[in-house]
N, C-alpha and C. Protein backbone atom coordinates (compact mmCIF):
# COMPACT_ATOMS: atom_id res chain seq x y z
N MET A 1 41.61 -15.84 72.57
CA MET A 1 42.47 -14.83 71.25
C MET A 1 40.75 -14.03 69.99
N ASP A 2 40.83 -12.87 69.91
CA ASP A 2 39.85 -12.77 69.27
C ASP A 2 39.66 -12.61 67.59
N GLU A 3 38.90 -12.43 66.70
CA GLU A 3 40.00 -11.86 65.17
C GLU A 3 41.15 -11.35 64.93
N PHE A 4 40.96 -10.44 65.67
CA PHE A 4 42.22 -9.67 65.75
C PHE A 4 43.64 -10.15 66.09
N GLY A 5 43.40 -10.97 66.86
CA GLY A 5 44.98 -11.59 67.66
C GLY A 5 44.86 -10.52 68.98
N THR A 6 44.19 -9.84 69.54
CA THR A 6 44.25 -9.56 70.33
C THR A 6 43.47 -10.10 71.62
N ARG A 7 44.67 -10.37 73.03
CA ARG A 7 43.65 -10.73 73.94
C ARG A 7 42.75 -9.97 74.83
N SER A 8 43.00 -9.26 74.75
CA SER A 8 42.08 -7.97 75.94
C SER A 8 41.21 -7.10 74.73
N GLY A 9 40.72 -8.30 73.05
CA GLY A 9 39.50 -7.49 73.01
C GLY A 9 39.88 -6.60 71.96
N ARG A 10 40.32 -5.61 72.03
CA ARG A 10 40.68 -4.51 71.16
C ARG A 10 41.75 -4.73 70.06
N PRO A 11 41.14 -4.56 68.75
CA PRO A 11 42.74 -4.41 67.57
C PRO A 11 43.17 -2.77 68.29
N GLY A 12 44.67 -3.85 67.91
CA GLY A 12 46.19 -2.25 68.66
C GLY A 12 45.72 -1.29 66.62
N LEU A 13 46.47 -0.93 66.41
CA LEU A 13 46.35 0.11 64.92
C LEU A 13 47.20 -1.09 63.99
N SER A 14 48.36 -2.08 64.48
CA SER A 14 49.11 -3.26 63.40
C SER A 14 48.07 -3.64 62.97
N ASN A 15 47.61 -4.66 63.25
CA ASN A 15 46.55 -5.19 63.76
C ASN A 15 45.14 -5.51 62.62
N ILE A 16 45.03 -3.40 62.74
CA ILE A 16 43.45 -3.29 62.32
C ILE A 16 44.74 -3.25 60.16
N LEU A 17 45.63 -2.37 60.58
CA LEU A 17 46.11 -2.05 59.40
C LEU A 17 46.65 -3.89 58.82
N ASN A 18 47.22 -4.47 59.92
CA ASN A 18 47.57 -5.76 58.40
C ASN A 18 46.43 -6.72 58.52
N THR A 19 45.10 -6.91 58.77
CA THR A 19 43.91 -7.09 59.49
C THR A 19 42.55 -6.99 58.19
N PHE A 20 42.61 -6.01 57.52
CA PHE A 20 42.09 -5.01 56.54
C PHE A 20 42.35 -4.45 55.46
N LEU A 21 43.36 -3.32 55.82
CA LEU A 21 44.06 -2.64 54.92
C LEU A 21 44.70 -4.51 53.73
N LYS A 22 45.53 -4.76 54.57
CA LYS A 22 46.59 -6.20 54.34
C LYS A 22 48.20 -5.46 54.26
N VAL A 23 47.96 -4.11 54.70
CA VAL A 23 49.56 -3.53 55.00
C VAL A 23 50.30 -3.93 55.46
N PRO A 24 51.98 -4.44 55.59
CA PRO A 24 52.34 -4.45 56.89
C PRO A 24 52.86 -3.56 57.74
N ILE A 25 52.67 -3.06 58.76
CA ILE A 25 52.48 -2.23 59.85
C ILE A 25 54.07 -0.99 59.43
N TYR A 26 55.15 -1.04 59.31
CA TYR A 26 56.07 -0.23 59.31
C TYR A 26 56.13 0.43 57.62
N THR A 27 55.55 -0.18 56.82
CA THR A 27 55.09 0.52 55.88
C THR A 27 54.25 1.85 55.76
N VAL A 28 53.15 1.81 56.91
CA VAL A 28 53.03 2.88 56.82
C VAL A 28 53.17 3.61 58.24
N VAL A 29 53.15 3.50 59.10
CA VAL A 29 54.23 4.04 60.11
C VAL A 29 55.26 4.88 59.59
N ARG A 30 56.41 4.01 60.08
CA ARG A 30 57.66 4.10 59.73
C ARG A 30 58.14 4.52 58.24
N GLY A 31 57.33 4.69 57.29
CA GLY A 31 58.33 5.57 56.22
C GLY A 31 58.45 4.48 55.27
N LEU A 32 59.63 4.49 54.78
CA LEU A 32 60.24 4.12 53.82
C LEU A 32 61.42 3.04 54.31
N LYS A 33 60.84 1.90 54.94
CA LYS A 33 62.29 0.84 55.05
C LYS A 33 61.40 0.35 54.29
N MET A 34 62.53 -1.18 53.57
CA MET A 34 63.43 -1.11 52.08
C MET A 34 62.21 -2.71 52.50
N VAL A 35 61.90 -3.74 52.08
CA VAL A 35 61.00 -4.42 52.76
C VAL A 35 62.17 -5.86 52.24
N ARG A 36 62.45 -7.00 53.07
CA ARG A 36 63.06 -8.05 53.14
C ARG A 36 63.00 -8.29 51.78
N THR A 37 61.80 -8.75 50.80
CA THR A 37 62.11 -9.02 49.88
C THR A 37 61.72 -8.19 48.41
N TYR A 38 62.70 -7.58 47.78
CA TYR A 38 61.52 -6.45 47.23
C TYR A 38 61.06 -7.04 45.22
N TYR A 39 60.06 -7.09 45.00
CA TYR A 39 59.71 -7.51 44.28
C TYR A 39 58.86 -6.24 43.33
N ARG A 40 59.65 -6.37 41.62
CA ARG A 40 58.68 -5.32 41.06
C ARG A 40 57.87 -5.25 40.79
N LYS A 41 57.56 -4.36 40.61
CA LYS A 41 55.25 -4.05 40.28
C LYS A 41 54.85 -4.25 38.91
N THR A 42 56.35 -3.52 38.42
CA THR A 42 56.31 -3.71 36.70
C THR A 42 57.13 -3.94 35.94
N GLU A 43 56.97 -3.62 34.95
CA GLU A 43 57.90 -4.72 33.80
C GLU A 43 59.30 -3.58 33.15
N LYS A 44 59.92 -3.80 33.12
CA LYS A 44 61.35 -2.87 32.51
C LYS A 44 60.78 -2.71 30.67
N VAL A 45 60.53 -1.31 30.55
CA VAL A 45 60.52 -1.06 28.60
C VAL A 45 61.75 -2.24 28.90
N PRO A 46 61.56 -2.72 26.57
CA PRO A 46 62.66 -3.48 26.03
C PRO A 46 63.04 -2.67 25.84
N ARG A 47 64.38 -2.24 26.18
CA ARG A 47 65.66 -1.77 25.43
C ARG A 47 65.35 -1.35 23.72
N GLU A 48 65.31 -2.40 22.90
CA GLU A 48 63.94 -1.85 21.82
C GLU A 48 63.82 -0.47 21.58
N ILE A 49 62.50 -1.22 22.37
CA ILE A 49 60.49 -0.22 22.15
C ILE A 49 61.59 0.90 22.91
N LEU A 50 61.86 1.27 23.47
CA LEU A 50 62.61 2.22 24.84
C LEU A 50 64.09 3.34 23.67
N ILE A 51 64.55 2.42 22.64
CA ILE A 51 64.95 3.33 21.59
C ILE A 51 64.46 3.36 20.15
N GLY A 52 63.79 3.28 20.02
CA GLY A 52 62.86 3.88 18.96
C GLY A 52 62.04 4.37 19.20
N ALA A 53 61.38 4.98 20.67
CA ALA A 53 60.44 4.79 20.55
C ALA A 53 61.74 7.06 20.61
N LEU A 54 62.88 7.14 20.97
CA LEU A 54 63.13 7.72 21.41
C LEU A 54 63.99 8.38 19.55
N ARG A 55 64.27 7.30 19.13
CA ARG A 55 64.24 8.13 17.78
C ARG A 55 62.95 8.89 17.35
N HIS A 56 61.77 8.28 17.34
CA HIS A 56 61.17 8.99 16.42
C HIS A 56 60.42 10.37 17.70
N LEU A 57 61.02 10.57 18.85
CA LEU A 57 60.69 11.60 19.53
C LEU A 57 61.69 12.70 18.04
N LYS A 58 63.35 12.45 18.58
CA LYS A 58 64.12 12.81 18.26
C LYS A 58 64.05 13.47 16.77
N LEU A 59 63.50 12.98 15.89
CA LEU A 59 63.00 12.69 13.97
C LEU A 59 61.93 14.19 14.04
N LEU A 60 60.70 13.33 15.07
CA LEU A 60 60.06 14.43 15.57
C LEU A 60 60.21 16.10 16.37
N ASP A 61 61.43 16.46 16.70
CA ASP A 61 62.37 17.25 18.00
C ASP A 61 62.98 17.97 16.44
N ASN A 62 63.73 17.43 15.47
CA ASN A 62 64.74 17.29 14.48
C ASN A 62 64.18 18.12 13.15
N LEU A 63 63.10 17.66 12.44
CA LEU A 63 61.71 18.25 11.42
C LEU A 63 61.23 19.48 12.24
N ASN A 64 60.75 19.36 13.63
CA ASN A 64 60.49 20.98 14.08
C ASN A 64 59.16 20.87 13.07
N LEU A 65 57.56 19.52 12.78
CA LEU A 65 56.73 19.57 12.14
C LEU A 65 55.77 20.41 13.04
N GLN A 66 56.33 19.67 14.54
CA GLN A 66 54.58 19.86 15.46
C GLN A 66 55.69 19.83 16.93
N LYS A 67 55.21 20.48 17.56
CA LYS A 67 55.04 19.94 19.32
C LYS A 67 55.73 19.37 19.46
N ILE A 68 56.45 18.50 20.48
CA ILE A 68 56.81 17.49 21.05
C ILE A 68 55.81 16.67 22.06
N ALA A 69 55.04 15.70 21.35
CA ALA A 69 53.88 15.09 22.39
C ALA A 69 54.25 13.57 22.78
N TYR A 70 54.54 13.88 23.97
CA TYR A 70 55.41 12.11 24.54
C TYR A 70 53.75 11.96 24.65
N ARG A 71 53.11 12.30 25.12
CA ARG A 71 51.80 11.56 25.31
C ARG A 71 52.02 11.32 24.34
N LYS A 72 51.36 10.87 23.65
CA LYS A 72 51.54 10.46 21.63
C LYS A 72 52.26 8.98 21.35
N VAL A 73 53.22 9.72 21.54
CA VAL A 73 54.40 9.10 21.28
C VAL A 73 54.43 8.07 22.23
N ALA A 74 54.10 8.17 23.09
CA ALA A 74 54.00 7.11 24.42
C ALA A 74 52.82 5.75 24.98
N GLU A 75 52.04 6.99 23.81
CA GLU A 75 50.87 5.86 24.26
C GLU A 75 51.05 4.69 22.27
N GLY A 76 51.93 5.20 21.80
CA GLY A 76 52.17 4.11 20.59
C GLY A 76 53.05 3.73 20.46
N PHE A 77 54.25 3.86 21.13
CA PHE A 77 54.92 2.55 21.44
C PHE A 77 54.09 1.17 23.10
N GLY A 78 53.39 2.05 23.69
CA GLY A 78 52.95 1.44 24.89
C GLY A 78 53.59 1.42 26.16
N ILE A 79 54.87 3.19 26.33
CA ILE A 79 55.07 2.63 27.67
C ILE A 79 55.13 3.49 28.32
N PRO A 80 55.27 3.74 29.47
CA PRO A 80 55.06 4.26 30.48
C PRO A 80 55.50 6.30 29.95
N LYS A 81 54.83 7.02 30.02
CA LYS A 81 54.84 8.90 29.48
C LYS A 81 56.52 9.51 30.64
N SER A 82 56.18 9.23 31.73
CA SER A 82 57.69 9.63 32.84
C SER A 82 58.50 8.96 31.86
N THR A 83 58.66 7.24 31.48
CA THR A 83 60.00 7.03 31.55
C THR A 83 60.88 7.66 29.99
N LEU A 84 59.93 8.25 29.32
CA LEU A 84 60.03 8.31 27.75
C LEU A 84 60.65 9.44 28.23
N PHE A 85 60.24 10.26 29.02
CA PHE A 85 60.08 11.63 28.96
C PHE A 85 61.67 11.46 29.55
N SER A 86 62.04 10.57 30.96
CA SER A 86 63.57 10.76 31.23
C SER A 86 64.69 10.82 30.36
N HIS A 87 64.30 9.82 29.66
CA HIS A 87 65.75 8.91 28.92
C HIS A 87 65.60 9.96 27.84
N TYR A 88 64.72 10.40 27.46
CA TYR A 88 64.76 11.31 26.64
C TYR A 88 64.81 13.36 26.11
N GLN A 89 65.79 12.65 28.23
CA GLN A 89 65.90 14.68 28.82
C GLN A 89 67.29 13.68 28.53
N LYS A 90 67.90 12.44 28.78
CA LYS A 90 69.54 12.27 28.67
C LYS A 90 69.63 13.24 27.52
N VAL A 91 68.95 12.85 26.44
CA VAL A 91 69.88 11.92 25.13
C VAL A 91 69.03 13.29 24.10
N LYS A 92 68.44 14.32 24.29
CA LYS A 92 67.80 15.01 23.26
C LYS A 92 69.24 16.13 22.85
N ASP A 93 69.97 16.63 23.59
CA ASP A 93 71.36 16.96 23.22
C ASP A 93 72.36 16.39 21.94
N LEU A 94 72.01 15.61 21.94
CA LEU A 94 72.69 14.51 21.51
C LEU A 94 72.98 14.33 19.52
N ASP A 95 73.67 13.89 18.98
CA ASP A 95 73.21 14.54 17.61
C ASP A 95 72.85 13.42 17.68
N SER A 96 72.72 12.46 18.23
CA SER A 96 71.99 10.32 17.71
C SER A 96 72.08 9.66 18.41
N ILE A 97 71.64 8.67 19.54
CA ILE A 97 71.51 8.37 19.72
C ILE A 97 72.69 6.70 20.13
N PRO A 98 72.62 6.87 20.96
CA PRO A 98 74.21 5.51 21.06
C PRO A 98 74.01 4.30 20.90
N GLU A 99 74.53 3.75 20.12
CA GLU A 99 74.22 2.28 20.02
C GLU A 99 74.01 1.68 21.00
N ASN A 100 75.38 1.80 22.85
CA ASN A 100 75.28 0.52 23.47
C ASN A 100 74.45 2.04 24.99
N TYR A 101 73.30 3.15 24.23
CA TYR A 101 72.37 3.14 25.01
C TYR A 101 72.05 1.92 25.97
N LEU A 102 71.55 2.01 27.13
CA LEU A 102 71.05 0.76 27.68
C LEU A 102 71.37 -0.48 27.58
N SER A 103 72.23 -0.13 27.19
CA SER A 103 73.45 -1.79 27.63
C SER A 103 74.10 -2.27 29.05
N ASN A 104 74.28 -3.13 28.70
CA ASN A 104 74.75 -3.73 30.49
C ASN A 104 76.48 -3.28 29.77
N GLU A 105 76.26 -3.47 28.92
CA GLU A 105 78.31 -2.82 29.28
C GLU A 105 78.99 -1.84 29.79
N VAL A 106 77.86 -0.86 30.22
CA VAL A 106 78.59 -0.01 31.23
C VAL A 106 77.31 0.94 32.24
N HIS A 107 78.33 1.11 33.04
CA HIS A 107 77.64 1.48 34.61
C HIS A 107 77.55 2.38 34.34
N ASN A 108 76.80 3.71 35.63
CA ASN A 108 75.84 5.17 35.34
C ASN A 108 77.58 5.78 35.78
N ARG A 109 79.03 5.35 36.75
CA ARG A 109 79.65 5.91 37.12
C ARG A 109 81.18 4.90 35.67
N GLN A 110 80.53 4.26 35.47
CA GLN A 110 82.05 3.74 34.99
C GLN A 110 82.73 4.30 33.50
N ILE A 111 84.26 3.87 33.63
CA ILE A 111 85.06 5.02 32.59
C ILE A 111 85.01 4.15 31.42
N LEU A 112 85.32 2.81 31.49
CA LEU A 112 85.48 1.95 30.09
C LEU A 112 84.80 0.34 30.92
N LYS A 113 84.51 0.25 29.95
CA LYS A 113 83.83 -1.22 29.08
C LYS A 113 84.26 -2.28 30.16
N TYR A 114 83.61 -3.63 30.12
CA TYR A 114 83.98 -4.23 31.17
C TYR A 114 85.17 -5.35 30.14
N LYS A 115 84.94 -4.86 28.91
CA LYS A 115 85.83 -5.78 27.35
C LYS A 115 87.80 -4.96 28.03
N GLU A 116 87.46 -3.87 28.15
CA GLU A 116 88.78 -3.16 28.13
C GLU A 116 89.04 -3.17 29.42
N GLU A 117 88.17 -3.65 30.02
CA GLU A 117 89.27 -3.55 31.97
C GLU A 117 89.83 -4.69 31.91
N GLU A 118 89.46 -5.96 31.53
CA GLU A 118 90.29 -6.89 31.45
C GLU A 118 91.11 -6.65 30.89
N GLU A 119 91.19 -6.08 29.34
CA GLU A 119 92.49 -5.27 28.51
C GLU A 119 93.35 -4.84 29.06
N LEU A 120 92.99 -4.41 30.36
CA LEU A 120 94.61 -3.45 30.40
C LEU A 120 94.07 -3.67 31.91
N VAL A 121 93.11 -4.86 33.02
CA VAL A 121 94.15 -5.40 33.82
C VAL A 121 95.38 -6.56 32.94
N GLU A 122 95.33 -7.34 32.48
CA GLU A 122 96.00 -8.32 31.39
C GLU A 122 96.97 -7.26 31.11
N TYR A 123 97.13 -6.10 30.07
CA TYR A 123 97.71 -6.04 30.37
C TYR A 123 99.04 -5.69 31.35
N LEU A 124 98.49 -5.13 32.28
CA LEU A 124 98.85 -4.63 33.67
C LEU A 124 100.19 -5.32 33.93
N LEU A 125 99.46 -7.19 34.09
CA LEU A 125 99.95 -7.71 34.93
C LEU A 125 101.12 -8.82 34.45
N ASP A 126 100.86 -8.34 33.41
CA ASP A 126 102.08 -9.15 31.68
C ASP A 126 103.48 -7.45 32.25
N ARG A 127 103.21 -6.10 32.29
CA ARG A 127 103.95 -5.89 32.39
C ARG A 127 104.60 -5.47 34.07
N PHE A 128 103.83 -6.07 34.72
CA PHE A 128 104.60 -6.21 36.25
C PHE A 128 104.91 -7.64 36.03
N PHE A 129 104.85 -8.80 35.65
CA PHE A 129 105.45 -9.74 34.69
C PHE A 129 107.22 -10.27 34.74
N ILE A 130 107.30 -8.69 33.74
CA ILE A 130 107.88 -8.23 32.85
C ILE A 130 109.19 -7.49 33.78
N TYR A 131 108.58 -7.22 34.47
CA TYR A 131 109.32 -6.10 35.61
C TYR A 131 110.65 -7.35 36.85
N LYS A 132 109.18 -8.05 37.60
CA LYS A 132 109.42 -8.49 38.76
C LYS A 132 110.51 -9.37 38.30
N LEU A 133 110.55 -9.82 36.73
CA LEU A 133 111.00 -11.04 36.52
C LEU A 133 112.97 -10.71 36.09
N ILE A 134 112.62 -9.38 35.37
CA ILE A 134 113.22 -8.01 35.00
C ILE A 134 114.75 -7.66 36.39
N GLU A 135 114.30 -7.59 37.61
CA GLU A 135 114.39 -7.54 38.65
C GLU A 135 115.16 -8.22 39.42
N LEU A 136 115.15 -9.69 39.49
CA LEU A 136 115.10 -10.81 39.97
C LEU A 136 116.44 -10.52 38.83
N VAL A 137 116.44 -11.10 37.39
CA VAL A 137 117.62 -11.48 36.91
C VAL A 137 118.68 -10.68 37.07
N THR A 138 118.16 -9.40 37.18
CA THR A 138 119.59 -7.85 37.37
C THR A 138 120.57 -8.35 38.04
N PRO A 139 120.35 -9.11 39.00
CA PRO A 139 120.98 -8.75 40.32
C PRO A 139 122.84 -10.08 39.12
N TYR A 140 121.98 -10.57 39.07
CA TYR A 140 122.82 -12.12 38.33
C TYR A 140 123.07 -11.85 37.20
N LEU A 141 123.05 -11.02 36.52
CA LEU A 141 124.21 -9.98 35.40
C LEU A 141 124.57 -9.22 35.67
N THR A 142 124.43 -8.36 36.97
CA THR A 142 126.17 -7.89 37.36
C THR A 142 127.15 -8.48 37.29
N VAL A 143 126.25 -9.79 38.80
CA VAL A 143 127.54 -10.85 39.29
C VAL A 143 129.20 -11.12 38.15
N SER A 144 127.72 -12.19 37.14
CA SER A 144 128.56 -12.87 36.00
C SER A 144 129.60 -11.85 34.50
N SER A 145 128.66 -10.52 34.66
CA SER A 145 129.35 -10.25 34.10
C SER A 145 130.98 -9.57 34.69
N LEU A 146 131.10 -9.12 36.23
CA LEU A 146 131.55 -8.43 37.28
C LEU A 146 132.96 -10.17 36.50
N ARG A 147 132.52 -10.72 36.72
CA ARG A 147 133.20 -12.48 36.59
C ARG A 147 134.15 -12.67 35.71
N THR A 148 133.45 -13.26 34.27
CA THR A 148 133.55 -12.82 33.09
C THR A 148 134.89 -11.69 32.51
N GLY A 149 134.62 -10.23 33.36
CA GLY A 149 134.82 -9.40 32.77
C GLY A 149 136.66 -8.51 33.35
């Protein structure tokens, strides 16, 4: 075995990439294959900081004092410009930024919040139980009313 891990002494492409570039072969050759364990490269922007930056941009936009400078606001709050821009595009047409924006209460396509969903399930189970109870009791009520009548 040589320094490249081959017997022939000639390094293969995968051995060269693994040895010198420290890049697994499947990321270079096969393209977009997901790694076994994904580690996030950057930290997520805290919700409070992002909402503060969005409110600042909205204030500048509403006052029409100047052209919106995403770069200056992003540097001031210490967040990436692209993150600020993409989030601002979602809320720029709204009157104000909702309180539950970026909270974990609602997912992308979820209609009801988790609490509302639990309340609905509880209500439906109660109604189902009452319906089944009435369904079970009704034949006995009709038979007993015929006997007494």
